[in-house]
Each structure stands twice: as C-alpha cells, then as structure tokens.
Amino acid sequence: MSYDEQFVGSLAIILSIISLAIAVGPWAAPYRLRTCSMLISRFGKPVARGFWLVIALASLTAGIAILAGVRPSYADPAQRAISEQ
C-alpha cells in the first residue's frame, strides 16, 4: 500500500466522522448549505440529517475499501506492473 492510498483512505474516514458528527450533533451551520436547506424546506430536518448520515456511511465505506486495497478487476497498480517486467 502506497502513502497516497493511506492518505486518501484516512482522509475519507476523517470526513466520515465529521459528517456523522454533523448528522448527530447540534451543529447548525452545515444545514445552511443550499442542498441541506432545500431538503429541510421540502422534507424536514430528519431527512437532512439522513442526508448527512448517508454521506458519512459512503465516506466510511470508501475509506475502508481504499485502506483494504479493494480495486476493480481492471485496475492494475503500477508497482505490480513494474515487478512483472
């Protein structure tokens, strides 16, 4: 695993924690974003909280997948290509 994979995976997990804190906590500033304010005006605050929860879960899943080295079947890391030569 290269350093950039560790950085991106860790960053995704950190953003997941922040998004979860927004969804659960009393922080009001993120709900003033255009998308969140539209969700609040149409469906109410619980849906906007669910929106932040979905972002948190997606970021956590992506971060874990990156750190675990999960790749699409067509992806071939550069180091493996170099070692096969």
Protein backbone atom coordinates (compact mmCIF):
# COMPACT_ATOMS: atom_id res chain seq x y z
CA MET A 1 0.00 0.00 0.00
CA SER A 2 1.41 3.34 -1.00
CA TYR A 3 1.35 6.53 1.02
CA ASP A 4 -1.22 8.17 -1.20
CA GLU A 5 -3.67 5.31 -0.60
CA GLN A 6 -3.15 5.66 3.15
CA PHE A 7 -3.67 9.41 2.94
CA VAL A 8 -6.85 9.24 0.86
CA GLY A 9 -8.32 6.38 2.90
CA SER A 10 -7.60 8.14 6.19
CA LEU A 11 -9.00 11.41 4.85
CA ALA A 12 -12.21 9.66 3.80
CA ILE A 13 -12.59 8.16 7.27
CA ILE A 14 -11.96 11.54 8.94
CA LEU A 15 -14.59 13.17 6.70
CA SER A 16 -16.94 10.34 7.60
CA ILE A 17 -16.51 11.10 11.29
CA ILE A 18 -17.15 14.80 10.67
CA SER A 19 -20.28 14.02 8.64
CA LEU A 20 -21.52 11.72 11.39
CA ALA A 21 -20.95 14.48 13.95
CA ILE A 22 -22.99 16.84 11.77
CA ALA A 23 -25.82 14.31 11.48
CA VAL A 24 -25.96 13.52 15.19
CA GLY A 25 -24.84 16.74 16.84
CA PRO A 26 -26.46 20.12 17.30
CA TRP A 27 -24.24 21.87 14.73
CA ALA A 28 -26.49 24.19 12.64
CA ALA A 29 -24.06 25.73 10.14
CA PRO A 30 -23.89 22.75 7.71
CA TYR A 31 -27.66 22.78 7.41
CA ARG A 32 -27.47 26.22 5.82
CA LEU A 33 -25.85 24.76 2.70
CA ARG A 34 -28.04 25.01 -0.38
CA THR A 35 -28.77 21.28 -0.68
CA CYS A 36 -29.50 20.86 3.02
CA SER A 37 -31.71 23.92 3.19
CA MET A 38 -33.65 22.63 0.19
CA LEU A 39 -34.10 19.26 1.89
CA ILE A 40 -35.24 20.94 5.11
CA SER A 41 -37.76 23.13 3.29
CA ARG A 42 -39.24 20.21 1.33
CA PHE A 43 -38.99 17.23 3.68
CA GLY A 44 -37.92 18.48 7.11
CA LYS A 45 -34.80 18.27 9.25
CA PRO A 46 -34.84 14.46 9.78
CA VAL A 47 -34.31 13.93 6.04
CA ALA A 48 -31.43 16.42 6.04
CA ARG A 49 -29.88 14.51 8.95
CA GLY A 50 -30.32 11.31 6.94
CA PHE A 51 -28.54 13.00 4.04
CA TRP A 52 -25.50 13.67 6.26
CA LEU A 53 -25.70 10.11 7.60
CA VAL A 54 -25.64 8.70 4.05
CA ILE A 55 -22.58 10.84 3.28
CA ALA A 56 -20.91 9.54 6.45
CA LEU A 57 -21.62 5.90 5.59
CA ALA A 58 -20.47 6.30 1.98
CA SER A 59 -17.25 8.00 3.07
CA LEU A 60 -16.57 5.33 5.70
CA THR A 61 -17.16 2.55 3.17
CA ALA A 62 -14.88 4.21 0.63
CA GLY A 63 -12.16 4.82 3.21
CA ILE A 64 -12.20 1.23 4.42
CA ALA A 65 -12.18 -0.08 0.85
CA ILE A 66 -9.21 2.12 -0.06
CA LEU A 67 -7.25 1.08 3.02
CA ALA A 68 -8.08 -2.58 2.41
CA GLY A 69 -6.74 -2.35 -1.13
CA VAL A 70 -10.01 -3.20 -2.86
CA ARG A 71 -9.73 -2.45 -6.57
CA PRO A 72 -11.85 -3.00 -9.65
CA SER A 73 -10.86 -6.07 -11.63
CA TYR A 74 -9.46 -3.95 -14.47
CA ALA A 75 -7.19 -1.85 -12.20
CA ASP A 76 -3.55 -2.84 -12.25
CA PRO A 77 -1.35 -0.98 -9.79
CA ALA A 78 1.85 0.44 -11.22
CA GLN A 79 4.07 -1.43 -8.76
CA ARG A 80 2.72 -4.81 -9.79
CA ALA A 81 3.24 -3.91 -13.43
CA ILE A 82 6.84 -2.92 -12.72
CA SER A 83 7.57 -6.10 -10.72
CA GLU A 84 6.26 -8.35 -13.52
CA GLN A 85 8.77 -6.97 -16.04
